[in-house]
N, C-alpha and C. Protein backbone atom coordinates (compact mmCIF):
# COMPACT_ATOMS: atom_id res chain seq x y z
N MET A 1 101.31 -71.71 99.29
CA MET A 1 100.30 -70.75 99.62
C MET A 1 99.19 -71.44 100.40
N LYS A 2 98.70 -70.79 101.42
CA LYS A 2 97.62 -71.36 102.21
C LYS A 2 96.34 -71.41 101.39
N ARG A 3 95.48 -72.35 101.74
CA ARG A 3 94.22 -72.53 101.02
C ARG A 3 93.38 -71.26 101.03
N ALA A 4 93.27 -70.61 102.18
CA ALA A 4 92.46 -69.40 102.28
C ALA A 4 93.03 -68.28 101.40
N ASP A 5 94.34 -68.18 101.35
CA ASP A 5 94.98 -67.17 100.48
C ASP A 5 94.72 -67.48 99.01
N ALA A 6 94.83 -68.74 98.65
CA ALA A 6 94.59 -69.14 97.26
C ALA A 6 93.15 -68.83 96.85
N LEU A 7 92.20 -69.11 97.72
CA LEU A 7 90.81 -68.83 97.41
C LEU A 7 90.55 -67.33 97.30
N ALA A 8 91.22 -66.54 98.12
CA ALA A 8 91.09 -65.08 98.03
C ALA A 8 91.62 -64.58 96.69
N HIS A 9 92.75 -65.12 96.25
CA HIS A 9 93.31 -64.73 94.96
C HIS A 9 92.42 -65.20 93.80
N ILE A 10 91.80 -66.35 93.96
CA ILE A 10 90.88 -66.84 92.93
C ILE A 10 89.65 -65.93 92.85
N ARG A 11 89.15 -65.47 94.01
CA ARG A 11 88.04 -64.52 94.00
C ARG A 11 88.41 -63.24 93.26
N LEU A 12 89.64 -62.75 93.50
CA LEU A 12 90.11 -61.56 92.78
C LEU A 12 90.21 -61.81 91.28
N ALA A 13 90.67 -62.98 90.90
CA ALA A 13 90.74 -63.32 89.48
C ALA A 13 89.34 -63.34 88.88
N GLY A 14 88.38 -63.86 89.62
CA GLY A 14 87.00 -63.85 89.15
C GLY A 14 86.44 -62.45 89.05
N TYR A 15 86.80 -61.59 89.99
CA TYR A 15 86.35 -60.20 89.99
C TYR A 15 86.85 -59.49 88.74
N HIS A 16 88.11 -59.73 88.37
CA HIS A 16 88.71 -59.07 87.23
C HIS A 16 88.51 -59.83 85.92
N GLY A 17 87.88 -61.01 85.97
CA GLY A 17 87.65 -61.79 84.76
C GLY A 17 88.91 -62.39 84.18
N ASP A 18 89.88 -62.67 85.03
CA ASP A 18 91.18 -63.18 84.60
C ASP A 18 91.18 -64.71 84.69
N ASP A 19 90.77 -65.36 83.60
CA ASP A 19 90.68 -66.82 83.60
C ASP A 19 92.04 -67.50 83.63
N LEU A 20 93.06 -66.85 83.10
CA LEU A 20 94.40 -67.42 83.11
C LEU A 20 94.93 -67.51 84.55
N ALA A 21 94.75 -66.45 85.32
CA ALA A 21 95.18 -66.46 86.72
C ALA A 21 94.36 -67.47 87.52
N PHE A 22 93.06 -67.56 87.22
CA PHE A 22 92.21 -68.54 87.90
C PHE A 22 92.75 -69.96 87.70
N MET A 23 93.03 -70.30 86.45
CA MET A 23 93.48 -71.66 86.16
C MET A 23 94.85 -71.93 86.78
N ARG A 24 95.74 -70.93 86.75
CA ARG A 24 97.07 -71.11 87.35
C ARG A 24 96.94 -71.35 88.85
N LEU A 25 96.13 -70.54 89.53
CA LEU A 25 95.96 -70.70 90.97
C LEU A 25 95.29 -72.04 91.30
N TYR A 26 94.32 -72.42 90.51
CA TYR A 26 93.62 -73.68 90.71
C TYR A 26 94.58 -74.87 90.61
N THR A 27 95.42 -74.88 89.59
CA THR A 27 96.30 -76.03 89.40
C THR A 27 97.48 -76.03 90.36
N GLU A 28 98.04 -74.85 90.65
CA GLU A 28 99.20 -74.80 91.53
C GLU A 28 98.85 -75.16 92.98
N ASN A 29 97.64 -74.86 93.41
CA ASN A 29 97.28 -75.06 94.81
C ASN A 29 96.44 -76.29 95.06
N ARG A 30 96.15 -77.04 94.00
CA ARG A 30 95.46 -78.33 94.11
C ARG A 30 94.18 -78.23 94.92
N ILE A 31 93.36 -77.27 94.55
CA ILE A 31 92.05 -77.08 95.17
C ILE A 31 91.04 -77.80 94.28
N SER A 32 89.96 -78.31 94.86
CA SER A 32 88.96 -78.98 94.03
C SER A 32 88.36 -77.96 93.07
N TYR A 33 88.00 -78.44 91.88
CA TYR A 33 87.48 -77.53 90.86
C TYR A 33 86.17 -76.89 91.30
N ALA A 34 85.33 -77.63 91.99
CA ALA A 34 84.05 -77.09 92.45
C ALA A 34 84.26 -75.92 93.41
N THR A 35 85.20 -76.06 94.32
CA THR A 35 85.49 -74.99 95.28
C THR A 35 86.11 -73.79 94.58
N ALA A 36 87.02 -74.03 93.67
CA ALA A 36 87.67 -72.95 92.94
C ALA A 36 86.66 -72.21 92.06
N LYS A 37 85.78 -72.94 91.40
CA LYS A 37 84.76 -72.31 90.56
C LYS A 37 83.79 -71.49 91.40
N GLN A 38 83.46 -71.98 92.57
CA GLN A 38 82.56 -71.25 93.46
C GLN A 38 83.21 -69.93 93.91
N ALA A 39 84.50 -69.95 94.20
CA ALA A 39 85.21 -68.73 94.59
C ALA A 39 85.30 -67.76 93.42
N ARG A 40 85.58 -68.27 92.22
CA ARG A 40 85.63 -67.40 91.03
C ARG A 40 84.28 -66.77 90.76
N ASP A 41 83.22 -67.54 90.88
CA ASP A 41 81.87 -67.02 90.65
C ASP A 41 81.49 -65.99 91.71
N ALA A 42 81.97 -66.17 92.94
CA ALA A 42 81.70 -65.19 93.99
C ALA A 42 82.37 -63.86 93.67
N GLY A 43 83.58 -63.90 93.13
CA GLY A 43 84.27 -62.69 92.74
C GLY A 43 83.55 -61.98 91.61
N ALA A 44 83.08 -62.74 90.62
CA ALA A 44 82.36 -62.16 89.50
C ALA A 44 81.03 -61.56 89.97
N ALA A 45 80.37 -62.22 90.90
CA ALA A 45 79.11 -61.71 91.43
C ALA A 45 79.33 -60.41 92.21
N ALA A 46 80.44 -60.31 92.91
CA ALA A 46 80.75 -59.09 93.65
C ALA A 46 80.93 -57.91 92.69
N ARG A 47 81.57 -58.17 91.56
CA ARG A 47 81.76 -57.11 90.56
C ARG A 47 80.41 -56.66 89.99
N ARG A 48 79.56 -57.64 89.67
CA ARG A 48 78.24 -57.29 89.14
C ARG A 48 77.40 -56.53 90.16
N ALA A 49 77.61 -56.82 91.46
CA ALA A 49 76.86 -56.15 92.51
C ALA A 49 77.40 -54.76 92.81
N GLY A 50 78.54 -54.40 92.22
CA GLY A 50 79.09 -53.06 92.41
C GLY A 50 79.99 -52.92 93.62
N VAL A 51 80.46 -54.03 94.16
CA VAL A 51 81.37 -54.00 95.30
C VAL A 51 82.73 -53.49 94.81
N PRO A 52 83.29 -52.46 95.45
CA PRO A 52 84.59 -51.96 94.98
C PRO A 52 85.71 -52.96 95.24
N CYS A 53 86.68 -52.97 94.35
CA CYS A 53 87.83 -53.87 94.48
C CYS A 53 88.83 -53.26 95.46
N ASN A 54 89.46 -54.10 96.24
CA ASN A 54 90.43 -53.61 97.21
C ASN A 54 91.85 -54.13 96.93
N CYS A 55 92.11 -54.55 95.69
CA CYS A 55 93.46 -55.00 95.37
C CYS A 55 94.37 -53.80 95.14
N ASN A 56 95.66 -54.01 95.25
CA ASN A 56 96.61 -52.92 95.15
C ASN A 56 96.61 -52.25 93.78
N SER A 57 96.44 -53.02 92.72
CA SER A 57 96.47 -52.41 91.39
C SER A 57 95.25 -51.53 91.13
N CYS A 58 94.14 -51.83 91.77
CA CYS A 58 92.95 -50.99 91.61
C CYS A 58 92.99 -49.76 92.52
N LYS A 59 93.74 -49.82 93.61
CA LYS A 59 93.82 -48.69 94.53
C LYS A 59 94.69 -47.57 94.00
N ILE A 60 95.63 -47.90 93.13
CA ILE A 60 96.54 -46.90 92.60
C ILE A 60 95.79 -46.04 91.60
N GLU A 61 95.77 -44.75 91.86
CA GLU A 61 95.08 -43.82 90.96
C GLU A 61 96.08 -43.28 89.94
N PRO A 62 95.64 -43.15 88.70
CA PRO A 62 96.57 -42.58 87.71
C PRO A 62 96.86 -41.13 88.02
N LYS A 63 98.11 -40.74 87.79
CA LYS A 63 98.53 -39.35 88.05
C LYS A 63 98.60 -38.60 86.74
N PHE A 64 97.88 -37.53 86.66
CA PHE A 64 97.85 -36.72 85.44
C PHE A 64 98.50 -35.39 85.70
C-alpha cells in the first residue's frame, strides 16, 4: 500500500475511533509512529469538528 493511502486509512481509523485498525495499518506499512499518530489525531479532530465521513460504510443508508 502506498504511504498516502495508508495515511488516509489511518485518518479514517482515527475518525471512527478504531484503534485496532490504526495499529494494524501502522505496523503493516512501517510508518513512523509520530506521523501515524498525527494522522489518527487529524481524523479524530475532523469528527469532533463535525466533518461528515465519506467512507463507503458510512455512505450506505439503512433500508427500512
